[in-house]
């Protein structure tokens, strides 16, 4: 399952909500941390205007950015659908926006435990801003022709299930109440962060390389993968060069294409190594999470 966060907003930087600070954290950073705290390793942040500023806020957080170049003519719903289709069309996903950054991580866990389907969080009688969708919902959402995901839900023929929660952070909080919840929200962000790296003579494989290879596999382009990660093109090729030297085999094949831009793709050996790394990384994270819960349980 993946997390999808809408971080588009008004065009004026002075009125740009994703960069609004509450405490020491911007709303986009708080929202991403909610997903990271519960172990999501694939988080898509959808951006339009001021995309670079959002990327700076989320630097080194291992998120994927989808820059909608046509955001001025696209609805928010269209931007979300394009992002999901581009990166992960075959996975269920949990969607929210940066407008409600104070929800609790356990709300995400509860949604993840449910059977596949359409779920909307509710706090009492009030509809929340966190949704779970099945992987096959994209075309149905598009057919509603609504402006936002929130509006589209009411037009889906199969309806939705209510996910009742005692988490007030799933709804839009009045500005005057937010100072009261900042401390509580900060306390629930406590988490361990284990970065699994592989080395030989030099460290050559870790979360950054893993994400780069996965995006190249999706896009067929190193350049596009770099844009999605907020990484320079030269840095990416340096990482690839070091990795291939340490492994002793080719991981990326590049085919120049002149005006068409060419393509890059993973070799069979590269795909196998990536799969083994992800298997190892997932096992390490599970064990780390278990140990962290046992040792630091009094702080959770």
Protein backbone atom coordinates (compact mmCIF):
# COMPACT_ATOMS: atom_id res chain seq x y z
CA UNK A 1 0.00 0.00 0.00
CA UNK A 2 1.18 3.49 -0.78
CA UNK A 3 0.51 6.95 0.62
CA UNK A 4 -0.59 9.79 -1.64
CA UNK A 5 -0.48 13.40 -0.41
CA UNK A 6 -1.93 16.37 -2.28
CA UNK A 7 0.40 19.35 -1.84
CA UNK A 8 -0.97 21.71 -4.44
CA UNK A 9 -2.32 25.05 -3.29
CA UNK A 10 -2.89 28.65 -4.21
CA UNK A 11 -0.37 30.20 -6.55
CA UNK A 12 0.71 33.01 -4.19
CA UNK A 13 3.65 31.84 -2.07
CA UNK A 14 2.45 34.04 0.80
CA UNK A 15 -0.79 32.06 0.87
CA UNK A 16 0.65 28.63 0.05
CA UNK A 17 -0.74 26.22 2.64
CA UNK A 18 1.73 23.30 2.19
CA UNK A 19 4.52 25.55 3.48
CA UNK A 20 2.54 26.99 6.38
CA UNK A 21 4.29 26.31 9.68
CA UNK A 22 2.74 24.98 12.85
CA UNK A 23 5.39 24.75 15.52
CA UNK A 24 8.67 23.97 13.77
CA UNK A 25 7.15 21.91 10.97
CA UNK A 26 5.38 22.84 7.74
CA UNK A 27 2.08 21.14 6.98
CA UNK A 28 3.58 19.09 4.15
CA UNK A 29 6.42 17.87 6.35
CA UNK A 30 4.04 16.97 9.18
CA UNK A 31 1.83 15.02 6.81
CA UNK A 32 4.75 13.08 5.33
CA UNK A 33 6.03 12.27 8.84
CA UNK A 34 2.64 10.75 9.70
CA UNK A 35 3.14 8.21 6.93
CA UNK A 36 6.82 7.61 7.67
CA UNK A 37 6.06 7.02 11.34
CA UNK A 38 3.90 4.05 10.37
CA UNK A 39 6.40 2.52 7.99
CA UNK A 40 5.16 3.58 4.56
CA UNK A 41 8.13 3.17 2.22
CA UNK A 42 6.36 4.59 -0.84
CA UNK A 43 4.89 8.06 -0.44
CA UNK A 44 3.86 10.17 -3.44
CA UNK A 45 3.63 13.93 -2.94
CA UNK A 46 1.63 15.63 -5.70
CA UNK A 47 2.84 19.16 -6.43
CA UNK A 48 2.06 21.91 -8.90
CA UNK A 49 2.88 25.50 -8.10
CA UNK A 50 5.97 26.01 -5.90
CA UNK A 51 6.94 22.38 -6.39
CA UNK A 52 10.63 23.08 -5.76
CA UNK A 53 9.88 24.70 -2.41
CA UNK A 54 7.89 21.63 -1.39
CA UNK A 55 10.76 19.36 -2.46
CA UNK A 56 13.15 21.34 -0.27
CA UNK A 57 10.84 20.79 2.71
CA UNK A 58 10.78 17.04 2.08
CA UNK A 59 14.45 16.65 1.22
CA UNK A 60 15.98 13.35 2.38
CA UNK A 61 12.59 11.99 3.44
CA UNK A 62 12.59 9.32 0.70
CA UNK A 63 9.38 10.54 -0.92
CA UNK A 64 8.47 10.60 -4.60
CA UNK A 65 7.35 13.87 -6.15
CA UNK A 66 4.86 14.11 -8.97
CA UNK A 67 5.12 17.52 -10.58
CA UNK A 68 1.97 18.19 -12.56
CA UNK A 69 3.27 20.49 -15.26
CA UNK A 70 -0.29 21.23 -16.36
CA UNK A 71 -1.69 22.03 -12.92
CA UNK A 72 -3.17 25.33 -14.10
CA UNK A 73 -5.56 23.46 -16.39
CA UNK A 74 -5.99 20.32 -14.27
CA UNK A 75 -8.35 19.81 -11.36
CA UNK A 76 -6.94 18.49 -8.11
CA UNK A 77 -8.54 15.15 -8.88
CA UNK A 78 -6.85 14.98 -12.29
CA UNK A 79 -3.45 15.66 -10.72
CA UNK A 80 -3.94 12.86 -8.19
CA UNK A 81 -5.07 10.35 -10.79
CA UNK A 82 -2.15 11.14 -13.09
CA UNK A 83 0.31 10.70 -10.22
CA UNK A 84 -1.06 7.31 -9.18
CA UNK A 85 -1.32 6.05 -12.75
CA UNK A 86 2.26 7.09 -13.36
CA UNK A 87 3.85 5.43 -10.35
CA UNK A 88 1.70 2.69 -8.81
CA UNK A 89 -1.43 1.73 -10.71
CA UNK A 90 -1.56 -1.75 -9.18
CA UNK A 91 -1.62 -0.94 -5.46
CA UNK A 92 -4.26 0.13 -2.96
CA UNK A 93 -3.55 3.58 -1.59
CA UNK A 94 -4.35 5.93 1.28
CA UNK A 95 -4.96 9.52 0.23
CA UNK A 96 -4.99 12.80 2.13
CA UNK A 97 -4.08 16.45 1.70
CA UNK A 98 -1.85 18.79 3.69
CA UNK A 99 -4.96 20.56 4.98
CA UNK A 100 -5.29 18.16 7.93
CA UNK A 101 -1.72 17.41 9.06
CA UNK A 102 -2.52 16.58 12.71
CA UNK A 103 -4.03 13.12 12.34
CA UNK A 104 -2.59 10.22 14.32
CA UNK A 105 -0.46 7.49 12.80
CA UNK A 106 -2.71 4.81 14.29
CA UNK A 107 -5.51 6.06 12.04
CA UNK A 108 -3.39 4.96 9.09
CA UNK A 109 -2.81 1.57 10.70
CA UNK A 110 -6.53 1.03 11.20
CA UNK A 111 -7.19 1.79 7.54
CA UNK A 112 -4.41 -0.55 6.43
CA UNK A 113 -5.92 -3.42 8.41
CA UNK A 114 -9.27 -3.23 6.62
CA UNK A 115 -10.18 -5.36 3.63
CA UNK A 116 -9.71 -3.72 0.26
CA UNK A 117 -12.43 -1.18 -0.43
CA UNK A 118 -13.38 2.49 -0.22
CA UNK A 119 -13.14 3.91 3.30
CA UNK A 120 -13.59 7.43 4.65
CA UNK A 121 -12.50 8.40 8.13
CA UNK A 122 -15.15 9.91 10.38
CA UNK A 123 -14.78 11.77 13.66
CA UNK A 124 -18.21 11.56 15.20
CA UNK A 125 -20.62 12.72 12.52
CA UNK A 126 -17.98 14.74 10.68
CA UNK A 127 -16.38 13.37 7.53
CA UNK A 128 -12.61 13.17 7.73
CA UNK A 129 -9.89 13.92 5.21
CA UNK A 130 -8.15 10.52 5.05
CA UNK A 131 -9.35 7.95 2.53
CA UNK A 132 -8.47 4.43 1.52
CA UNK A 133 -9.03 3.33 -2.07
CA UNK A 134 -8.64 0.02 -3.93
CA UNK A 135 -6.26 -0.17 -6.87
CA UNK A 136 -9.09 -0.47 -9.42
CA UNK A 137 -10.82 2.79 -8.48
CA UNK A 138 -8.97 5.23 -10.74
CA UNK A 139 -11.26 5.09 -13.77
CA UNK A 140 -14.36 5.37 -11.57
CA UNK A 141 -13.00 8.44 -9.81
CA UNK A 142 -12.21 9.99 -13.18
CA UNK A 143 -15.72 9.30 -14.46
CA UNK A 144 -17.23 11.43 -11.69
CA UNK A 145 -15.69 14.53 -13.34
CA UNK A 146 -15.45 16.30 -9.99
CA UNK A 147 -12.86 18.84 -8.90
CA UNK A 148 -11.39 16.97 -5.93
CA UNK A 149 -11.11 13.46 -4.52
CA UNK A 150 -13.31 14.51 -1.60
CA UNK A 151 -16.11 15.54 -3.96
CA UNK A 152 -15.72 12.51 -6.22
CA UNK A 153 -16.39 10.03 -3.43
CA UNK A 154 -20.03 11.04 -3.15
CA UNK A 155 -20.56 10.17 -6.83
CA UNK A 156 -19.08 6.67 -6.79
CA UNK A 157 -21.80 4.09 -7.53
CA UNK A 158 -20.56 1.57 -4.97
CA UNK A 159 -20.56 4.10 -2.14
CA UNK A 160 -18.09 3.87 0.72
CA UNK A 161 -17.61 2.51 4.22
CA UNK A 162 -17.24 4.72 7.27
CA UNK A 163 -14.03 4.30 9.25
CA UNK A 164 -14.99 5.61 12.68
CA UNK A 165 -12.13 7.08 14.71
CA UNK A 166 -11.57 9.03 17.90
CA UNK A 167 -8.84 11.00 16.14
CA UNK A 168 -9.88 14.70 15.82
CA UNK A 169 -6.93 15.30 13.50
CA UNK A 170 -8.74 13.72 10.56
CA UNK A 171 -11.06 16.73 10.25
CA UNK A 172 -10.33 20.37 9.51
CA UNK A 173 -9.37 21.98 12.81
CA UNK A 174 -10.19 25.62 13.54
CA UNK A 175 -7.04 27.76 13.72
CA UNK A 176 -7.64 28.65 17.36
CA UNK A 177 -7.58 25.00 18.45
CA UNK A 178 -4.39 24.02 16.61
CA UNK A 179 -1.90 25.26 19.27
CA UNK A 180 -3.50 22.79 21.69
CA UNK A 181 -2.83 19.77 19.49
CA UNK A 182 0.72 20.55 18.30
CA UNK A 183 2.42 19.06 21.37
CA UNK A 184 0.35 15.89 21.23
CA UNK A 185 0.99 15.49 17.53
CA UNK A 186 4.74 16.02 17.95
CA UNK A 187 4.89 13.32 20.64
CA UNK A 188 3.27 10.69 18.39
CA UNK A 189 5.88 11.27 15.66
CA UNK A 190 8.53 9.39 17.65
CA UNK A 191 9.90 6.68 15.39
CA UNK A 192 13.05 4.78 14.54
CA UNK A 193 14.71 5.31 11.21
CA UNK A 194 16.86 2.44 10.02
CA UNK A 195 18.75 3.07 6.82
CA UNK A 196 19.82 -0.21 5.27
CA UNK A 197 23.01 0.20 3.25
CA UNK A 198 25.19 -2.30 1.41
CA UNK A 199 28.93 -1.84 0.96
CA UNK A 200 31.97 -3.54 -0.46
CA UNK A 201 34.98 -1.27 -0.78
CA UNK A 202 32.55 1.63 -0.65
CA UNK A 203 28.93 2.02 0.43
CA UNK A 204 27.02 1.70 -2.83
CA UNK A 205 23.40 0.72 -2.22
CA UNK A 206 20.75 2.19 0.07
CA UNK A 207 17.24 3.69 0.08
CA UNK A 208 18.19 6.47 -2.35
CA UNK A 209 19.59 4.07 -4.95
CA UNK A 210 16.64 1.72 -4.44
CA UNK A 211 14.18 4.51 -5.16
CA UNK A 212 16.19 5.72 -8.15
CA UNK A 213 16.21 2.25 -9.74
CA UNK A 214 12.49 1.73 -9.13
CA UNK A 215 11.65 5.02 -10.79
CA UNK A 216 13.92 4.28 -13.75
CA UNK A 217 12.12 0.96 -14.10
CA UNK A 218 8.76 2.79 -14.16
CA UNK A 219 9.75 5.73 -16.36
CA UNK A 220 12.45 4.30 -18.60
CA UNK A 221 14.30 7.55 -17.96
CA UNK A 222 17.05 8.58 -15.55
CA UNK A 223 16.15 12.22 -16.10
CA UNK A 224 12.50 11.74 -15.12
CA UNK A 225 13.50 9.63 -12.12
CA UNK A 226 15.76 12.47 -10.94
CA UNK A 227 12.94 14.98 -11.26
CA UNK A 228 10.65 12.77 -9.19
CA UNK A 229 13.28 12.54 -6.46
CA UNK A 230 14.48 16.14 -6.54
CA UNK A 231 17.97 14.84 -7.41
CA UNK A 232 20.52 16.21 -9.86
CA UNK A 233 21.14 14.22 -13.04
CA UNK A 234 24.91 14.14 -12.46
CA UNK A 235 24.49 12.81 -8.92
CA UNK A 236 22.26 9.99 -10.17
CA UNK A 237 24.79 8.82 -12.75
CA UNK A 238 27.57 9.01 -10.17
CA UNK A 239 25.53 6.74 -7.87
CA UNK A 240 24.90 4.33 -10.74
CA UNK A 241 28.60 4.29 -11.70
CA UNK A 242 29.73 3.50 -8.13
CA UNK A 243 27.07 0.81 -7.78
CA UNK A 244 28.06 -0.94 -11.00
CA UNK A 245 31.76 -0.80 -10.12
CA UNK A 246 31.12 -2.37 -6.71
CA UNK A 247 28.77 -5.05 -8.06
CA UNK A 248 30.89 -5.88 -11.07
CA UNK A 249 28.01 -5.97 -13.53
CA UNK A 250 25.83 -3.55 -15.49
CA UNK A 251 22.65 -2.43 -13.72
CA UNK A 252 21.38 0.26 -16.10
CA UNK A 253 21.33 0.07 -19.90
CA UNK A 254 21.12 3.42 -21.62
CA UNK A 255 20.00 3.76 -25.23
CA UNK A 256 20.45 7.24 -26.74
CA UNK A 257 17.45 8.35 -28.75
CA UNK A 258 18.37 11.70 -30.26
CA UNK A 259 15.38 14.04 -30.29
CA UNK A 260 13.16 11.39 -28.73
CA UNK A 261 15.30 11.44 -25.60
CA UNK A 262 16.31 7.77 -25.57
CA UNK A 263 15.58 5.37 -22.74
CA UNK A 264 17.19 3.68 -19.76
CA UNK A 265 16.18 0.42 -18.17
CA UNK A 266 17.31 -2.13 -15.61
CA UNK A 267 19.23 -5.21 -16.67
CA UNK A 268 17.92 -8.60 -15.47
CA UNK A 269 20.83 -8.74 -12.98
CA UNK A 270 19.95 -5.25 -11.77
CA UNK A 271 16.31 -6.20 -11.20
CA UNK A 272 17.29 -9.31 -9.23
CA UNK A 273 19.64 -7.34 -6.99
CA UNK A 274 16.97 -4.67 -6.40
CA UNK A 275 14.41 -7.33 -5.43
CA UNK A 276 16.84 -8.95 -2.99
CA UNK A 277 17.67 -5.59 -1.43
CA UNK A 278 13.97 -4.78 -0.94
CA UNK A 279 13.37 -8.18 0.63
CA UNK A 280 16.28 -7.66 3.03
CA UNK A 281 15.26 -4.06 3.77
CA UNK A 282 11.66 -5.06 4.61
CA UNK A 283 12.82 -7.78 6.99
CA UNK A 284 15.24 -5.40 8.71
CA UNK A 285 12.54 -2.77 9.14
CA UNK A 286 10.09 -5.26 10.64
CA UNK A 287 12.65 -6.44 13.18
CA UNK A 288 13.72 -2.87 13.92
CA UNK A 289 10.12 -1.78 14.47
CA UNK A 290 9.54 -4.69 16.82
CA UNK A 291 12.65 -3.92 18.87
CA UNK A 292 11.86 -0.20 18.97
CA UNK A 293 8.34 -0.89 20.29
CA UNK A 294 9.74 -3.18 23.00
CA UNK A 295 12.56 -0.91 24.13
CA UNK A 296 10.88 2.49 23.79
CA UNK A 297 7.29 1.51 24.61
CA UNK A 298 7.09 3.96 27.57
CA UNK A 299 7.62 6.86 25.15
CA UNK A 300 4.91 5.85 22.66
